[in-house]
Amino acid sequence: MNRMLGNRRTRLYALAAWVVLAALFPFSAQADDALWTLLKGGGRVVMMRHAVTTPGVGDPPGFRVDDCATQRNLTDAGRQDARTVGAEFRKRGIAVERVLSSAWCRCIETARLAFDQAEVSPALGNLFTHPENRDRQVREMRALLRQPRTGNQILVSHGATIAALTGISLDTAEMLVLTPQADGKFVINGRLTARAL
């Protein structure tokens, strides 16, 4: 009887451990490897949400896009996540042809810490604070997808902006790998996150 209870308890502990690991690392290593292999081949677009900022806090009233001191910015943990993403790209030899960013400082800093570059694109601006720009920015993002490329293009933006184009809500520092198609359409290949690297 005690042995049966012990076996049942062991199985419950194993199940609980699996559930915790699945929650912490939601992406299988095999799926991640397939995405990295795809990126190694070039020609992809990676949409990345900026790294972590102070949780539950929006940009203060009266913030200015041209003044980082007035905005919600990256935390030290967010800076580390951005560096982790860049280190993983370098370790795997993933070529990055161009990095475009929203004008918001948290996006520019994420791009520079990860990829050492950031070219501001109005198409990637924050739709959470400017929802009236949605249709225009979605058209502009689709135009970016139509541009020819040999290496990979990184687009660092905001959760609401990425969701407007793809229908997917990303976590901070999470990436969505896309294969562009004709007419601004795309195939979603999968998601990668700094916390699972």
Protein backbone atom coordinates (compact mmCIF):
# COMPACT_ATOMS: atom_id res chain seq x y z
CA MET A 1 0.00 0.00 0.00
CA ASN A 2 2.78 2.43 0.95
CA ARG A 3 4.64 1.50 -2.25
CA MET A 4 1.51 2.28 -4.36
CA LEU A 5 1.12 5.65 -2.63
CA GLY A 6 4.80 6.35 -3.16
CA ASN A 7 4.56 5.52 -6.89
CA ARG A 8 1.46 7.66 -7.27
CA ARG A 9 3.17 10.55 -5.43
CA THR A 10 6.25 10.19 -7.66
CA ARG A 11 4.08 10.30 -10.79
CA LEU A 12 2.26 13.40 -9.48
CA TYR A 13 5.58 15.13 -8.76
CA ALA A 14 6.83 14.25 -12.25
CA LEU A 15 3.61 15.58 -13.80
CA ALA A 16 3.82 18.80 -11.76
CA ALA A 17 7.46 19.28 -12.82
CA TRP A 18 6.50 18.78 -16.47
CA VAL A 19 3.69 21.35 -16.20
CA VAL A 20 6.07 23.89 -14.63
CA LEU A 21 8.71 23.30 -17.32
CA ALA A 22 6.11 23.56 -20.08
CA ALA A 23 4.96 26.89 -18.65
CA LEU A 24 8.50 28.23 -18.36
CA PHE A 25 9.66 26.95 -21.76
CA PRO A 26 6.60 26.86 -24.03
CA PHE A 27 8.61 26.31 -27.21
CA SER A 28 10.00 22.88 -27.97
CA ALA A 29 13.71 22.76 -28.78
CA GLN A 30 12.91 20.99 -32.05
CA ALA A 31 10.53 23.75 -33.18
CA ASP A 32 13.08 26.41 -32.18
CA ASP A 33 15.83 24.62 -34.12
CA ALA A 34 13.64 24.55 -37.23
CA LEU A 35 13.08 28.33 -36.96
CA TRP A 36 16.81 29.02 -36.49
CA THR A 37 17.55 26.87 -39.54
CA LEU A 38 15.01 28.87 -41.53
CA LEU A 39 16.63 32.14 -40.40
CA LYS A 40 20.07 30.77 -41.31
CA GLY A 41 18.83 30.56 -44.92
CA GLY A 42 18.03 34.31 -44.95
CA GLY A 43 15.19 36.17 -46.62
CA ARG A 44 12.93 36.19 -43.54
CA VAL A 45 11.32 39.00 -41.59
CA VAL A 46 11.48 38.86 -37.80
CA MET A 47 8.93 41.00 -35.98
CA MET A 48 10.13 41.61 -32.45
CA ARG A 49 8.31 43.29 -29.61
CA HIS A 50 10.52 45.62 -27.58
CA ALA A 51 12.07 44.14 -24.43
CA VAL A 52 10.54 44.48 -20.97
CA THR A 53 9.70 47.84 -19.43
CA THR A 54 8.13 48.61 -16.05
CA PRO A 55 5.08 46.29 -15.98
CA GLY A 56 1.62 47.85 -15.98
CA VAL A 57 2.89 51.35 -16.71
CA GLY A 58 2.14 53.19 -19.95
CA ASP A 59 3.85 56.22 -21.38
CA PRO A 60 3.25 59.20 -19.05
CA PRO A 61 0.80 61.93 -20.09
CA GLY A 62 2.49 64.46 -22.33
CA PHE A 63 5.33 62.10 -23.34
CA ARG A 64 7.29 63.01 -26.46
CA VAL A 65 8.62 60.50 -28.96
CA ASP A 66 11.76 62.61 -29.42
CA ASP A 67 12.57 62.68 -25.68
CA CYS A 68 13.41 59.38 -23.98
CA ALA A 69 13.23 60.98 -20.53
CA THR A 70 9.46 61.44 -21.00
CA GLN A 71 8.77 57.81 -22.02
CA ARG A 72 8.44 54.37 -20.49
CA ASN A 73 11.84 52.78 -21.08
CA LEU A 74 13.54 49.40 -20.75
CA THR A 75 14.36 47.97 -17.34
CA ASP A 76 17.72 46.33 -16.64
CA ALA A 77 16.01 42.96 -17.24
CA GLY A 78 14.74 44.23 -20.59
CA ARG A 79 18.24 45.34 -21.59
CA GLN A 80 19.57 41.90 -20.70
CA ASP A 81 16.82 40.19 -22.76
CA ALA A 82 17.71 42.35 -25.77
CA ARG A 83 21.41 41.45 -25.41
CA THR A 84 20.46 37.77 -25.10
CA VAL A 85 18.58 37.90 -28.40
CA GLY A 86 21.53 39.49 -30.18
CA ALA A 87 24.00 37.03 -28.66
CA GLU A 88 21.89 34.12 -29.88
CA PHE A 89 21.78 35.49 -33.44
CA ARG A 90 25.57 35.90 -33.41
CA LYS A 91 26.20 32.49 -31.86
CA ARG A 92 24.09 30.82 -34.56
CA GLY A 93 25.59 32.88 -37.38
CA ILE A 94 22.25 34.40 -38.42
CA ALA A 95 22.79 37.20 -40.93
CA VAL A 96 20.84 40.40 -40.28
CA GLU A 97 20.59 42.65 -43.32
CA ARG A 98 18.54 45.51 -41.90
CA VAL A 99 16.98 46.50 -38.57
CA LEU A 100 13.97 48.82 -38.55
CA SER A 101 12.48 50.21 -35.35
CA SER A 102 9.60 52.21 -34.01
CA ALA A 103 10.66 55.73 -33.03
CA TRP A 104 9.84 54.98 -29.35
CA CYS A 105 13.03 54.80 -27.27
CA ARG A 106 12.30 51.34 -25.85
CA CYS A 107 12.21 49.93 -29.38
CA ILE A 108 15.34 51.76 -30.55
CA GLU A 109 17.24 50.64 -27.45
CA THR A 110 16.08 47.03 -27.91
CA ALA A 111 17.26 47.07 -31.54
CA ARG A 112 20.63 48.64 -30.74
CA LEU A 113 21.36 46.35 -27.81
CA ALA A 114 20.43 43.25 -29.81
CA PHE A 115 21.67 44.12 -33.29
CA ASP A 116 23.86 47.26 -32.95
CA GLN A 117 21.65 49.21 -35.34
CA ALA A 118 18.22 50.81 -35.61
CA GLU A 119 16.69 52.65 -38.55
CA VAL A 120 13.47 54.37 -37.52
CA SER A 121 10.37 53.53 -39.55
CA PRO A 122 7.01 55.34 -39.03
CA ALA A 123 5.28 52.09 -40.08
CA LEU A 124 6.29 50.54 -36.74
CA GLY A 125 4.99 53.29 -34.43
CA ASN A 126 2.91 52.49 -31.36
CA LEU A 127 -0.72 51.82 -32.34
CA PHE A 128 -1.74 51.48 -28.70
CA THR A 129 -1.37 55.25 -28.29
CA HIS A 130 -2.32 56.07 -31.91
CA PRO A 131 -5.01 53.56 -33.01
CA GLU A 132 -6.21 56.02 -35.66
CA ASN A 133 -3.07 55.16 -37.67
CA ARG A 134 -3.87 51.44 -37.88
CA ASP A 135 -4.93 51.12 -41.53
CA ARG A 136 -2.08 53.28 -42.80
CA GLN A 137 0.56 51.51 -40.75
CA VAL A 138 -0.66 48.03 -41.72
CA ARG A 139 -0.36 49.08 -45.39
CA GLU A 140 3.14 50.42 -44.72
CA MET A 141 4.20 47.25 -42.90
CA ARG A 142 2.94 45.14 -45.80
CA ALA A 143 5.01 47.36 -48.12
CA LEU A 144 8.07 46.60 -45.98
CA LEU A 145 7.38 42.89 -46.40
CA ARG A 146 7.32 43.31 -50.20
CA GLN A 147 10.85 44.74 -50.29
CA PRO A 148 13.44 42.36 -51.74
CA ARG A 149 16.02 40.98 -49.29
CA THR A 150 18.69 38.34 -49.17
CA GLY A 151 19.47 38.45 -45.45
CA ASN A 152 16.97 38.71 -42.64
CA GLN A 153 15.14 41.91 -41.77
CA ILE A 154 14.27 42.70 -38.14
CA LEU A 155 11.28 44.91 -37.33
CA VAL A 156 11.25 46.05 -33.67
CA SER A 157 7.87 47.39 -32.64
CA HIS A 158 5.05 47.27 -30.08
CA GLY A 159 2.60 44.54 -29.14
CA ALA A 160 -0.44 46.36 -30.56
CA THR A 161 1.34 47.19 -33.81
CA ILE A 162 2.55 43.64 -34.42
CA ALA A 163 -0.91 42.28 -33.57
CA ALA A 164 -2.55 44.66 -36.06
CA LEU A 165 -0.53 43.09 -38.88
CA THR A 166 -0.32 39.47 -37.76
CA GLY A 167 -3.20 38.91 -35.33
CA ILE A 168 -0.67 37.61 -32.79
CA SER A 169 0.06 39.21 -29.43
CA LEU A 170 3.73 38.82 -28.50
CA ASP A 171 5.35 38.99 -25.10
CA THR A 172 8.22 41.42 -24.51
CA ALA A 173 11.39 40.51 -26.44
CA GLU A 174 9.43 37.76 -28.23
CA MET A 175 9.93 37.33 -31.97
CA LEU A 176 7.64 36.21 -34.78
CA VAL A 177 9.40 34.71 -37.81
CA LEU A 178 7.67 35.44 -41.13
CA THR A 179 8.30 34.34 -44.70
CA PRO A 180 7.15 37.17 -47.02
CA GLN A 181 4.97 36.25 -49.99
CA ALA A 182 3.72 38.28 -52.95
CA ASP A 183 1.55 41.39 -52.43
CA GLY A 184 2.61 41.94 -48.82
CA LYS A 185 1.22 38.62 -47.64
CA PHE A 186 3.28 36.33 -45.43
CA VAL A 187 3.51 32.92 -43.83
CA ILE A 188 3.96 32.82 -40.06
CA ASN A 189 6.69 30.28 -39.36
CA GLY A 190 6.70 30.45 -35.56
CA ARG A 191 7.72 32.29 -32.40
CA LEU A 192 11.00 32.61 -30.50
CA THR A 193 11.50 34.17 -27.09
CA ALA A 194 14.56 35.45 -25.26
CA ARG A 195 13.52 33.54 -22.15
CA ALA A 196 13.70 30.21 -24.00
CA LEU A 197 17.07 30.82 -25.68
